[in-house]
Each structure stands twice: as C-alpha cells, then as structure tokens.
C-alpha atoms as a PDB file:
ATOM      1  CA  MET A   1      99.301  36.381 -14.396  1.00  0.00           C
ATOM      2  CA  GLU A   2     101.017  34.174 -16.991  1.00  0.00           C
ATOM      3  CA  PRO A   3     100.789  30.403 -16.821  1.00  0.00           C
ATOM      4  CA  LEU A   4     103.876  28.482 -15.760  1.00  0.00           C
ATOM      5  CA  PRO A   5     105.918  27.128 -18.665  1.00  0.00           C
ATOM      6  CA  SER A   6     105.427  23.470 -19.437  1.00  0.00           C
ATOM      7  CA  ASN A   7     108.321  21.072 -19.931  1.00  0.00           C
ATOM      8  CA  ASN A   8     106.144  18.258 -21.286  1.00  0.00           C
ATOM      9  CA  GLY A   9     107.816  18.305 -24.690  1.00  0.00           C
ATOM     10  CA  VAL A  10     111.349  18.340 -23.326  1.00  0.00           C
ATOM     11  CA  ARG A  11     110.704  15.780 -20.608  1.00  0.00           C
ATOM     12  CA  ILE A  12     111.503  12.870 -22.931  1.00  0.00           C
ATOM     13  CA  LEU A  13     114.837  14.422 -23.882  1.00  0.00           C
ATOM     14  CA  LEU A  14     115.705  15.047 -20.255  1.00  0.00           C
ATOM     15  CA  HIS A  15     115.186  11.345 -19.515  1.00  0.00           C
ATOM     16  CA  LEU A  16     117.902  10.598 -22.079  1.00  0.00           C
ATOM     17  CA  MET A  17     120.451  13.232 -21.008  1.00  0.00           C
ATOM     18  CA  PRO A  18     120.615  16.308 -18.786  1.00  0.00           C
ATOM     19  CA  LEU A  19     120.130  19.706 -20.391  1.00  0.00           C
ATOM     20  CA  ASP A  20     123.859  20.482 -20.085  1.00  0.00           C
ATOM     21  CA  ALA A  21     124.670  17.441 -22.226  1.00  0.00           C
ATOM     22  CA  TRP A  22     122.109  18.547 -24.825  1.00  0.00           C
ATOM     23  CA  ALA A  23     123.746  21.965 -24.879  1.00  0.00           C
ATOM     24  CA  TRP A  24     127.118  20.381 -25.635  1.00  0.00           C
ATOM     25  CA  CYS A  25     125.511  18.319 -28.411  1.00  0.00           C
ATOM     26  CA  TRP A  26     124.152  21.546 -29.957  1.00  0.00           C
ATOM     27  CA  ILE A  27     127.602  23.127 -29.714  1.00  0.00           C
ATOM     28  CA  ALA A  28     129.317  20.077 -31.240  1.00  0.00           C
ATOM     29  CA  CYS A  29     126.860  19.924 -34.148  1.00  0.00           C
ATOM     30  CA  GLY A  30     127.228  23.664 -34.755  1.00  0.00           C
ATOM     31  CA  ILE A  31     131.023  23.478 -34.753  1.00  0.00           C
ATOM     32  CA  THR A  32     130.860  20.500 -37.134  1.00  0.00           C
ATOM     33  CA  ALA A  33     128.636  22.451 -39.541  1.00  0.00           C
ATOM     34  CA  ILE A  34     130.895  25.519 -39.339  1.00  0.00           C
ATOM     35  CA  ALA A  35     133.981  23.369 -39.953  1.00  0.00           C
ATOM     36  CA  ALA A  36     132.340  21.872 -43.058  1.00  0.00           C
ATOM     37  CA  SER A  37     131.231  25.207 -44.519  1.00  0.00           C
ATOM     38  CA  PRO A  38     134.493  26.325 -46.203  1.00  0.00           C
ATOM     39  CA  LEU A  39     135.101  22.923 -47.790  1.00  0.00           C
ATOM     40  CA  PRO A  40     134.347  22.389 -51.485  1.00  0.00           C
ATOM     41  CA  GLN A  41     131.082  20.817 -52.554  1.00  0.00           C
ATOM     42  CA  GLY A  42     131.110  17.097 -51.971  1.00  0.00           C
ATOM     43  CA  ARG A  43     133.563  17.314 -49.104  1.00  0.00           C
ATOM     44  CA  ASP A  44     131.224  19.414 -46.948  1.00  0.00           C
ATOM     45  CA  TRP A  45     128.629  16.648 -46.728  1.00  0.00           C
ATOM     46  CA  PHE A  46     129.107  15.931 -43.000  1.00  0.00           C
ATOM     47  CA  GLY A  47     127.926  19.409 -41.969  1.00  0.00           C
ATOM     48  CA  PHE A  48     124.366  18.888 -43.178  1.00  0.00           C
ATOM     49  CA  PRO A  49     123.574  15.677 -41.257  1.00  0.00           C
ATOM     50  CA  ALA A  50     125.100  17.261 -38.150  1.00  0.00           C
ATOM     51  CA  LEU A  51     122.458  19.991 -38.290  1.00  0.00           C
ATOM     52  CA  LEU A  52     119.654  17.503 -38.867  1.00  0.00           C
ATOM     53  CA  LEU A  53     120.988  15.150 -36.209  1.00  0.00           C
ATOM     54  CA  ILE A  54     120.490  17.699 -33.452  1.00  0.00           C
ATOM     55  CA  VAL A  55     117.062  18.898 -34.639  1.00  0.00           C
ATOM     56  CA  ALA A  56     115.532  15.423 -34.999  1.00  0.00           C
ATOM     57  CA  PRO A  57     115.433  14.478 -31.280  1.00  0.00           C
ATOM     58  CA  TRP A  58     113.771  17.770 -30.354  1.00  0.00           C
ATOM     59  CA  MET A  59     111.168  17.410 -33.093  1.00  0.00           C
ATOM     60  CA  CYS A  60     110.472  13.790 -32.146  1.00  0.00           C
ATOM     61  CA  SER A  61     110.259  14.596 -28.444  1.00  0.00           C
ATOM     62  CA  TYR A  62     107.546  17.185 -28.986  1.00  0.00           C
ATOM     63  CA  LEU A  63     105.730  14.935 -31.441  1.00  0.00           C
ATOM     64  CA  VAL A  64     105.714  12.003 -29.001  1.00  0.00           C
ATOM     65  CA  SER A  65     104.604  14.263 -26.145  1.00  0.00           C
ATOM     66  CA  TRP A  66     101.586  15.187 -28.257  1.00  0.00           C
ATOM     67  CA  TRP A  67     100.878  11.755 -29.655  1.00  0.00           C
ATOM     68  CA  PRO A  68     100.892   8.973 -28.400  1.00  0.00           C
ATOM     69  CA  LEU A  69     101.472  10.269 -24.841  1.00  0.00           C
ATOM     70  CA  GLY A  70      98.878  13.035 -25.148  1.00  0.00           C
ATOM     71  CA  ASP A  71     100.221  15.170 -22.296  1.00  0.00           C
ATOM     72  CA  ASN A  72     101.163  18.105 -24.547  1.00  0.00           C
ATOM     73  CA  PRO A  73      98.145  19.232 -26.613  1.00  0.00           C
ATOM     74  CA  ARG A  74     100.208  21.754 -28.605  1.00  0.00           C
ATOM     75  CA  GLY A  75     103.225  19.483 -29.059  1.00  0.00           C
ATOM     76  CA  TRP A  76     102.431  19.001 -32.738  1.00  0.00           C
ATOM     77  CA  VAL A  77     102.890  22.749 -33.310  1.00  0.00           C
ATOM     78  CA  THR A  78     106.366  22.758 -31.775  1.00  0.00           C
ATOM     79  CA  ALA A  79     107.273  19.566 -33.669  1.00  0.00           C
ATOM     80  CA  LEU A  80     106.151  21.251 -36.884  1.00  0.00           C
ATOM     81  CA  ILE A  81     108.311  24.290 -36.112  1.00  0.00           C
ATOM     82  CA  TRP A  82     111.352  22.047 -35.619  1.00  0.00           C
ATOM     83  CA  ALA A  83     110.525  20.223 -38.879  1.00  0.00           C
ATOM     84  CA  VAL A  84     110.253  23.544 -40.746  1.00  0.00           C
ATOM     85  CA  ALA A  85     113.651  24.515 -39.328  1.00  0.00           C
ATOM     86  CA  ALA A  86     115.106  21.352 -40.874  1.00  0.00           C
ATOM     87  CA  VAL A  87     113.678  21.974 -44.366  1.00  0.00           C
ATOM     88  CA  PRO A  88     116.170  24.737 -45.350  1.00  0.00           C
ATOM     89  CA  VAL A  89     119.046  22.472 -44.331  1.00  0.00           C
ATOM     90  CA  ILE A  90     117.751  19.719 -46.608  1.00  0.00           C
ATOM     91  CA  VAL A  91     117.164  22.159 -49.489  1.00  0.00           C
ATOM     92  CA  VAL A  92     120.589  23.797 -49.185  1.00  0.00           C
ATOM     93  CA  ALA A  93     122.271  20.390 -48.989  1.00  0.00           C
ATOM     94  CA  GLY A  94     120.976  19.648 -52.493  1.00  0.00           C
ATOM     95  CA  TRP A  95     122.016  22.931 -54.111  1.00  0.00           C
ATOM     96  CA  GLN A  96     124.705  22.994 -56.761  1.00  0.00           C
ATOM     97  CA  GLU A  97     127.338  25.514 -55.774  1.00  0.00           C
ATOM     98  CA  PRO A  98     128.685  27.976 -58.340  1.00  0.00           C
ATOM     99  CA  LEU A  99     132.190  27.334 -59.598  1.00  0.00           C
ATOM    100  CA  ARG A 100     134.941  29.033 -57.638  1.00  0.00           C
ATOM    101  CA  PRO A 101     137.224  31.512 -59.477  1.00  0.00           C
ATOM    102  CA  LYS A 102     140.081  28.994 -59.701  1.00  0.00           C
ATOM    103  CA  GLU A 103     137.747  26.375 -61.190  1.00  0.00           C
ATOM    104  CA  LEU A 104     136.398  28.931 -63.705  1.00  0.00           C
ATOM    105  CA  ARG A 105     139.880  29.698 -65.008  1.00  0.00           C
ATOM    106  CA  LEU A 106     140.631  26.007 -65.465  1.00  0.00           C
ATOM    107  CA  ASP A 107     137.381  25.502 -67.394  1.00  0.00           C
ATOM    108  CA  ASP A 108     138.080  28.536 -69.635  1.00  0.00           C
ATOM    109  CA  GLU A 109     141.522  27.158 -70.615  1.00  0.00           C
ATOM    110  CA  ARG A 110     140.054  23.927 -71.936  1.00  0.00           C
END
C-alpha cells in the first residue's frame, strides 16, 4: 500500500489562492513567455521574468514548509528541484542571440 500524498508544501500556496487560480497564473505566464519568444533580443525581456515569477512561489512554498515550519521534511528537495528548473531560464536570458539573416546582410554591406 502506498502512502497518501502530502500537500504540506502546497498548503501555503493554497492559503493565498485556490488551485484553479494558480493554474490560470501558470497559463498566463506561459502565454507571456510564448508571446515574447519571436521578438528580437532586447524586446523579448518580459518573457524571462514571467517564467521565473511563476516558479518562485512554488519554490518558496516548499522551502518554507521545510524550514521554518518543519512540517515537510523533504520540502528542501522539492524546493531545490524548482530552483534547478529556474536556472536554465536565467542562463538562456543572458545568452547573446546569433544575428538574423536580415541583420547579417546589413552588416556585410558596411
């Protein structure tokens, strides 16, 4: 028999908003990131914080459920997983994008 799932880590989030509202926040942040993706570098900046904005509350909720509340002994593991999920977003946000074909032609003419 498997143990019942624990909602200790999510409990803090559910005090702020119901799960349906969190789902809509995830959808809104995802749509924002998708909308930013075709924009040129520098104008796509708002997509990256949108992705971090939705991950941060989940990471913090699990971290707080582990410490200082102490009711989720493995909360630090889940918080670490959420933090690791945020690292690629931060790394990709700092990448220099290659020049687009139109920009290459303009540079070659100079």
